[in-house]
Protein backbone atom coordinates (compact mmCIF):
# COMPACT_ATOMS: atom_id res chain seq x y z
CA MET A 1 -96.37 -26.19 -63.83
CA ASN A 2 -96.00 -29.95 -63.30
CA LEU A 3 -98.35 -31.55 -60.80
CA THR A 4 -98.63 -35.18 -59.78
CA VAL A 5 -100.96 -36.42 -57.05
CA VAL A 6 -100.59 -39.88 -55.54
CA ASP A 7 -103.30 -41.81 -53.74
CA GLU A 8 -102.74 -45.33 -52.43
CA PHE A 9 -99.36 -45.29 -54.24
CA GLU A 10 -100.89 -44.66 -57.68
CA VAL A 11 -100.67 -41.51 -59.77
CA VAL A 12 -104.28 -40.34 -59.99
CA ARG A 13 -103.82 -36.92 -61.59
CA ALA A 14 -100.92 -35.63 -63.59
CA GLU A 15 -100.10 -32.53 -65.62
CA GLY A 16 -96.78 -32.63 -67.44
CA PRO A 17 -95.57 -35.39 -65.09
CA ASN A 18 -92.55 -36.39 -67.18
CA GLU A 19 -90.97 -32.98 -67.79
CA PRO A 20 -87.50 -32.85 -66.15
CA PHE A 21 -86.59 -30.22 -63.57
CA GLN A 22 -83.89 -29.53 -60.99
CA ALA A 23 -85.21 -30.56 -57.59
CA GLY A 24 -82.99 -28.32 -55.47
CA SER A 25 -83.15 -29.24 -51.79
CA VAL A 26 -85.61 -32.04 -52.48
CA SER A 27 -82.36 -33.76 -53.50
CA LYS A 28 -81.59 -34.11 -49.80
CA SER A 29 -84.55 -36.42 -49.25
CA VAL A 30 -83.47 -38.72 -52.09
CA ALA A 31 -79.84 -38.68 -50.91
CA ALA A 32 -81.00 -39.57 -47.40
CA TYR A 33 -82.94 -42.53 -48.80
CA ALA A 34 -79.79 -43.71 -50.61
CA ALA A 35 -77.68 -43.36 -47.46
CA LEU A 36 -80.21 -45.35 -45.44
CA ARG A 37 -80.11 -48.16 -48.00
CA LEU A 38 -76.38 -48.35 -47.28
CA VAL A 39 -77.15 -48.41 -43.55
CA ASP A 40 -79.53 -51.32 -44.17
CA SER A 41 -76.77 -53.22 -45.99
CA GLY A 42 -74.22 -52.56 -43.25
CA ALA A 43 -71.99 -50.37 -45.43
CA LEU A 44 -72.72 -47.30 -43.29
CA ASP A 45 -73.50 -46.78 -39.61
CA LEU A 46 -75.95 -44.07 -38.57
CA ASP A 47 -74.24 -43.38 -35.25
CA GLN A 48 -70.53 -43.79 -36.01
CA ASP A 49 -68.30 -40.72 -36.33
CA VAL A 50 -68.19 -39.96 -40.04
CA ASN A 51 -64.43 -39.40 -40.01
CA GLU A 52 -64.09 -43.11 -39.23
CA GLN A 53 -65.99 -43.91 -42.45
CA LEU A 54 -64.60 -41.21 -44.75
CA VAL A 55 -61.60 -42.01 -46.96
CA SER A 56 -60.88 -39.08 -49.28
CA TRP A 57 -61.38 -36.16 -46.87
CA GLN A 58 -61.69 -35.54 -43.14
CA LEU A 59 -64.01 -33.14 -41.36
CA PRO A 60 -61.97 -30.84 -39.07
CA GLU A 61 -62.96 -31.31 -35.43
CA GLY A 62 -65.57 -33.82 -36.56
CA ASP A 63 -65.93 -35.76 -33.31
CA ARG A 64 -69.61 -36.56 -32.61
CA VAL A 65 -70.62 -35.78 -36.21
CA THR A 66 -72.54 -38.84 -37.37
CA LEU A 67 -74.61 -39.73 -40.40
CA ARG A 68 -77.77 -39.45 -38.30
CA ARG A 69 -76.85 -35.89 -37.35
CA LEU A 70 -75.94 -34.97 -40.92
CA LEU A 71 -79.25 -36.28 -42.25
CA SER A 72 -81.23 -34.50 -39.51
CA HIS A 73 -79.33 -31.18 -39.69
CA THR A 74 -78.16 -31.57 -36.10
CA ALA A 75 -74.42 -31.94 -36.80
CA GLY A 76 -73.73 -28.23 -36.27
CA LEU A 77 -72.22 -27.74 -39.74
CA GLY A 78 -72.35 -24.49 -41.69
CA VAL A 79 -73.05 -23.52 -45.32
CA PRO A 80 -76.86 -23.56 -45.29
CA PHE A 81 -77.35 -23.35 -49.08
CA PHE A 82 -75.39 -23.71 -52.31
CA PRO A 83 -75.98 -21.22 -55.16
CA GLY A 84 -74.73 -23.47 -57.95
CA TYR A 85 -72.48 -22.45 -60.84
CA GLU A 86 -73.54 -20.50 -63.90
CA PRO A 87 -72.98 -21.82 -67.44
CA GLY A 88 -69.47 -21.10 -68.65
CA THR A 89 -67.93 -20.91 -65.16
CA ASP A 90 -65.55 -23.40 -63.58
CA VAL A 91 -67.18 -26.03 -61.38
CA PRO A 92 -65.23 -27.21 -58.32
CA THR A 93 -64.78 -30.79 -57.22
CA LEU A 94 -66.68 -31.92 -54.16
CA VAL A 95 -63.51 -31.82 -52.07
CA GLN A 96 -62.86 -28.24 -53.21
CA VAL A 97 -66.40 -27.40 -52.10
CA LEU A 98 -65.79 -28.96 -48.69
CA ASP A 99 -62.50 -27.06 -48.35
CA GLY A 100 -63.99 -23.81 -49.63
CA ALA A 101 -61.15 -23.73 -52.17
CA PRO A 102 -61.36 -22.02 -55.60
CA PRO A 103 -63.26 -22.27 -57.81
CA ALA A 104 -65.76 -22.99 -55.00
CA VAL A 105 -67.73 -19.86 -54.06
CA THR A 106 -68.92 -21.01 -50.63
CA ASP A 107 -67.21 -21.19 -47.25
CA PRO A 108 -65.43 -24.31 -46.03
CA VAL A 109 -67.71 -26.94 -44.52
CA CYS A 110 -66.84 -27.21 -40.85
CA VAL A 111 -68.39 -27.62 -37.42
CA GLU A 112 -69.75 -24.25 -36.30
CA HIS A 113 -71.99 -25.35 -33.42
CA PRO A 114 -71.81 -28.28 -30.98
CA PRO A 115 -73.12 -31.44 -32.70
CA GLY A 116 -76.40 -32.72 -31.33
CA GLU A 117 -77.51 -29.39 -29.88
CA GLY A 118 -80.40 -28.40 -32.11
CA PHE A 119 -81.47 -28.01 -35.72
CA ARG A 120 -79.29 -25.95 -38.08
CA TYR A 121 -80.09 -26.40 -41.76
CA SER A 122 -76.89 -27.29 -43.60
CA GLY A 123 -76.42 -27.99 -47.26
CA GLY A 124 -72.78 -28.47 -46.30
CA GLY A 125 -73.80 -31.44 -44.21
CA TYR A 126 -75.40 -33.07 -47.22
CA ALA A 127 -72.30 -32.40 -49.33
CA LEU A 128 -70.53 -34.50 -46.71
CA VAL A 129 -73.22 -37.18 -46.98
CA GLN A 130 -72.50 -37.27 -50.71
CA LEU A 131 -68.78 -37.83 -50.10
CA LEU A 132 -69.57 -40.52 -47.54
CA ILE A 133 -71.73 -42.40 -50.04
CA GLU A 134 -69.05 -42.08 -52.70
CA ASP A 135 -66.26 -43.21 -50.36
CA VAL A 136 -68.01 -46.33 -49.09
CA THR A 137 -69.32 -47.42 -52.50
CA GLY A 138 -66.32 -46.40 -54.60
CA ARG A 139 -68.73 -44.85 -57.10
CA SER A 140 -70.06 -41.41 -57.89
CA LEU A 141 -73.31 -40.43 -56.21
CA ALA A 142 -75.02 -40.60 -59.61
CA GLU A 143 -73.92 -44.22 -60.09
CA ALA A 144 -74.68 -45.25 -56.51
CA ALA A 145 -78.15 -43.65 -56.57
CA ARG A 146 -78.96 -45.41 -59.83
CA THR A 147 -78.40 -48.74 -58.07
CA LEU A 148 -79.76 -47.87 -54.64
CA VAL A 149 -82.76 -45.70 -55.54
CA PHE A 150 -83.65 -44.99 -59.15
CA GLY A 151 -83.47 -48.52 -60.53
CA PRO A 152 -85.36 -50.25 -57.70
CA LEU A 153 -88.06 -47.54 -57.59
CA GLY A 154 -88.55 -47.25 -61.35
CA MET A 155 -87.38 -43.62 -61.37
CA SER A 156 -86.05 -43.93 -64.91
CA ARG A 157 -85.96 -40.18 -65.61
CA SER A 158 -84.01 -39.24 -62.47
CA THR A 159 -80.28 -38.65 -62.11
CA PHE A 160 -77.72 -36.78 -60.03
CA GLU A 161 -75.58 -36.23 -63.12
CA GLN A 162 -75.31 -32.54 -63.98
CA ARG A 163 -76.61 -31.33 -67.32
CA ASP A 164 -75.07 -28.56 -69.40
CA GLY A 165 -77.52 -25.84 -70.35
CA ALA A 166 -78.96 -22.52 -69.27
CA TRP A 167 -79.27 -23.54 -65.64
CA HIS A 168 -76.87 -23.72 -62.72
CA ARG A 169 -74.77 -26.81 -62.08
CA TYR A 170 -74.37 -28.30 -58.60
CA PRO A 171 -71.33 -30.40 -57.71
CA GLU A 172 -73.08 -30.60 -54.31
CA GLN A 173 -75.47 -33.09 -55.88
CA ALA A 174 -76.87 -34.59 -52.67
CA ALA A 175 -77.72 -31.11 -51.42
CA ALA A 176 -79.25 -29.63 -54.57
CA GLY A 177 -78.29 -31.41 -57.81
CA LEU A 178 -81.06 -33.92 -58.52
CA TRP A 179 -82.73 -33.87 -61.94
CA THR A 180 -86.08 -35.63 -61.85
CA THR A 181 -89.75 -35.46 -62.88
CA ALA A 182 -93.00 -35.12 -60.95
CA ALA A 183 -93.94 -38.70 -61.83
CA ASP A 184 -90.61 -40.05 -60.59
CA LEU A 185 -90.86 -38.13 -57.33
CA ALA A 186 -94.37 -39.51 -56.88
CA ARG A 187 -92.78 -42.97 -57.00
CA PHE A 188 -90.30 -41.80 -54.38
CA VAL A 189 -93.14 -40.57 -52.14
CA GLY A 190 -94.76 -43.99 -52.44
CA ALA A 191 -91.49 -45.73 -51.54
CA VAL A 192 -91.10 -43.62 -48.40
CA GLN A 193 -94.67 -44.50 -47.45
CA ARG A 194 -94.07 -48.22 -47.96
CA GLU A 195 -90.58 -48.69 -46.58
CA GLY A 196 -89.16 -45.40 -45.34
CA ALA A 197 -90.42 -45.37 -41.77
CA ALA A 198 -86.95 -44.53 -40.48
CA MET A 199 -86.97 -41.29 -42.47
CA CYS A 200 -90.17 -40.24 -40.71
CA GLU A 201 -88.95 -40.86 -37.18
CA PRO A 202 -88.61 -37.42 -35.54
CA GLN A 203 -85.01 -36.58 -34.70
CA VAL A 204 -85.29 -32.96 -33.59
CA GLU A 205 -87.84 -30.22 -32.92
CA LEU A 206 -87.64 -27.29 -35.31
CA PRO A 207 -86.78 -23.87 -33.87
CA ALA A 208 -89.52 -21.32 -33.31
CA GLU A 209 -88.13 -19.20 -36.14
CA GLY A 210 -87.20 -20.28 -39.66
CA GLU A 211 -88.17 -19.99 -43.31
CA TRP A 212 -90.72 -22.78 -42.88
CA ARG A 213 -92.80 -20.52 -40.61
CA THR A 214 -93.78 -18.38 -43.62
CA LEU A 215 -95.83 -21.33 -44.91
CA ALA A 216 -98.63 -20.36 -42.51
CA ASP A 217 -99.10 -17.10 -44.43
CA LEU A 218 -99.49 -19.15 -47.61
CA GLY A 219 -102.15 -21.46 -46.20
CA LEU A 220 -99.98 -24.41 -45.22
CA ARG A 221 -99.19 -25.76 -41.78
CA PRO A 222 -95.48 -25.29 -40.97
CA PRO A 223 -93.54 -28.44 -40.09
CA GLU A 224 -92.77 -29.05 -36.44
CA ARG A 225 -89.96 -31.62 -36.51
CA PHE A 226 -87.28 -33.02 -38.79
CA GLY A 227 -86.61 -36.67 -39.44
CA LEU A 228 -83.88 -38.11 -41.68
CA GLY A 229 -84.04 -36.02 -44.84
CA LEU A 230 -87.65 -34.90 -44.36
CA PHE A 231 -89.66 -32.20 -42.61
CA LEU A 232 -92.49 -33.66 -40.49
CA SER A 233 -95.85 -32.34 -39.35
CA ASP A 234 -99.04 -33.99 -38.09
CA GLY A 235 -98.78 -37.24 -40.04
CA TRP A 236 -97.16 -35.74 -43.14
CA PHE A 237 -93.61 -35.59 -44.47
CA GLY A 238 -92.29 -33.20 -47.08
CA HIS A 239 -89.56 -31.00 -48.52
CA PHE A 240 -89.28 -27.94 -50.76
CA GLY A 241 -86.59 -27.36 -53.36
CA ASN A 242 -85.33 -24.16 -54.95
CA THR A 243 -82.66 -23.62 -57.61
CA TYR A 244 -81.85 -20.68 -59.83
CA ASP A 245 -84.29 -22.07 -62.42
CA PHE A 246 -86.92 -24.19 -60.63
CA PHE A 247 -89.07 -24.44 -57.51
CA SER A 248 -90.66 -27.69 -56.30
CA ALA A 249 -92.35 -29.41 -53.38
CA LEU A 250 -93.26 -32.90 -52.31
CA TYR A 251 -95.64 -34.03 -49.59
CA GLY A 252 -96.67 -37.47 -48.47
CA SER A 253 -98.88 -38.82 -45.72
CA GLU A 254 -97.39 -41.27 -43.25
CA GLU A 255 -100.60 -43.32 -43.54
CA GLY A 256 -103.12 -43.73 -46.34
CA GLY A 257 -100.87 -43.31 -49.35
CA ARG A 258 -101.74 -39.68 -50.10
CA GLY A 259 -99.28 -37.22 -51.53
CA LEU A 260 -98.38 -34.68 -54.17
CA VAL A 261 -95.43 -33.35 -56.13
CA LEU A 262 -95.48 -29.88 -57.67
CA ALA A 263 -92.75 -28.23 -59.74
CA THR A 264 -92.48 -25.07 -61.80
CA ARG A 265 -89.94 -22.94 -63.65
CA GLY A 266 -88.89 -19.91 -61.67
CA GLY A 267 -89.34 -19.17 -58.00
CA ALA A 268 -91.80 -19.63 -55.17
CA THR A 269 -94.72 -17.61 -56.52
CA PRO A 270 -98.10 -17.11 -54.80
CA GLU A 271 -99.62 -19.07 -57.71
CA PHE A 272 -97.44 -22.06 -56.84
CA PHE A 273 -98.74 -22.20 -53.29
CA ALA A 274 -102.31 -21.48 -54.41
CA ASP A 275 -102.14 -24.55 -56.65
CA LEU A 276 -100.69 -26.64 -53.84
CA VAL A 277 -103.33 -25.54 -51.35
CA GLY A 278 -105.99 -26.07 -54.02
CA VAL A 279 -105.08 -29.75 -54.32
CA VAL A 280 -105.18 -30.15 -50.54
CA ASP A 281 -108.60 -28.51 -50.30
CA GLU A 282 -109.98 -30.33 -53.35
CA ARG A 283 -109.16 -33.71 -51.85
CA GLY A 284 -110.07 -32.77 -48.28
CA TRP A 285 -106.70 -33.74 -46.81
CA SER A 286 -106.37 -32.86 -43.14
CA GLY A 287 -103.15 -31.91 -41.43
CA LEU A 288 -101.64 -29.78 -44.20
CA ARG A 289 -103.71 -26.60 -43.99
CA ALA A 290 -102.71 -23.76 -41.67
């Protein structure tokens, strides 16, 4: 298990901090950061219909679907999660994923609920964010993120490029395809704390029911709102990530520079959450415990 704790933007405790792992849905937070860098430069607009910014594909009935709504899971799009593709199987292009066309194994990405009317977790929405980044930059997400995120933040062991091996591959890189390390994600947590205030601005209240509510049974306070790429609760931001091979979590405080990154092979075991809660209790951090 890889654990990195940050305090005042410095790594103060690390166990296996440089071992690579697939970050799963934590990828969404990093992709959101990249998209917001493009907003800062004027290349993207948070509140413009995405079909007006897309080049290589159009979202059917995409009126009122904006980057802000995609990043906050309020665009009403479907396809909550992507399973990835096993070794030896064909991997679809991103457009094939969006169309739900073979060899894609998921449904087409489309508007299933009125945009702007509540939180509906959508990996499909982040697949569209990926295409948006690629269309406006003219580069793959891996290349764009290297310039926008990994290089500036010193995340030298992070990439959206997919690796061959005994794990699943994710053409939906922004949704689930990040390869990184605990130490690199600790740098990301620090960057959000220093300059990512927009990501921590609440965009929507979370529904009364959802997978995040099970955190209370594991000793952690469930999030209450969602920002731009991050779950939010009582002065903390965070995200969990799950792939076929790895499970991970990141947390950061909105003030005070506290945070942690935890990753392990396999799934969300009780031991994983016991270690996470142990760090919180050991350091006396308020706001995270149930």
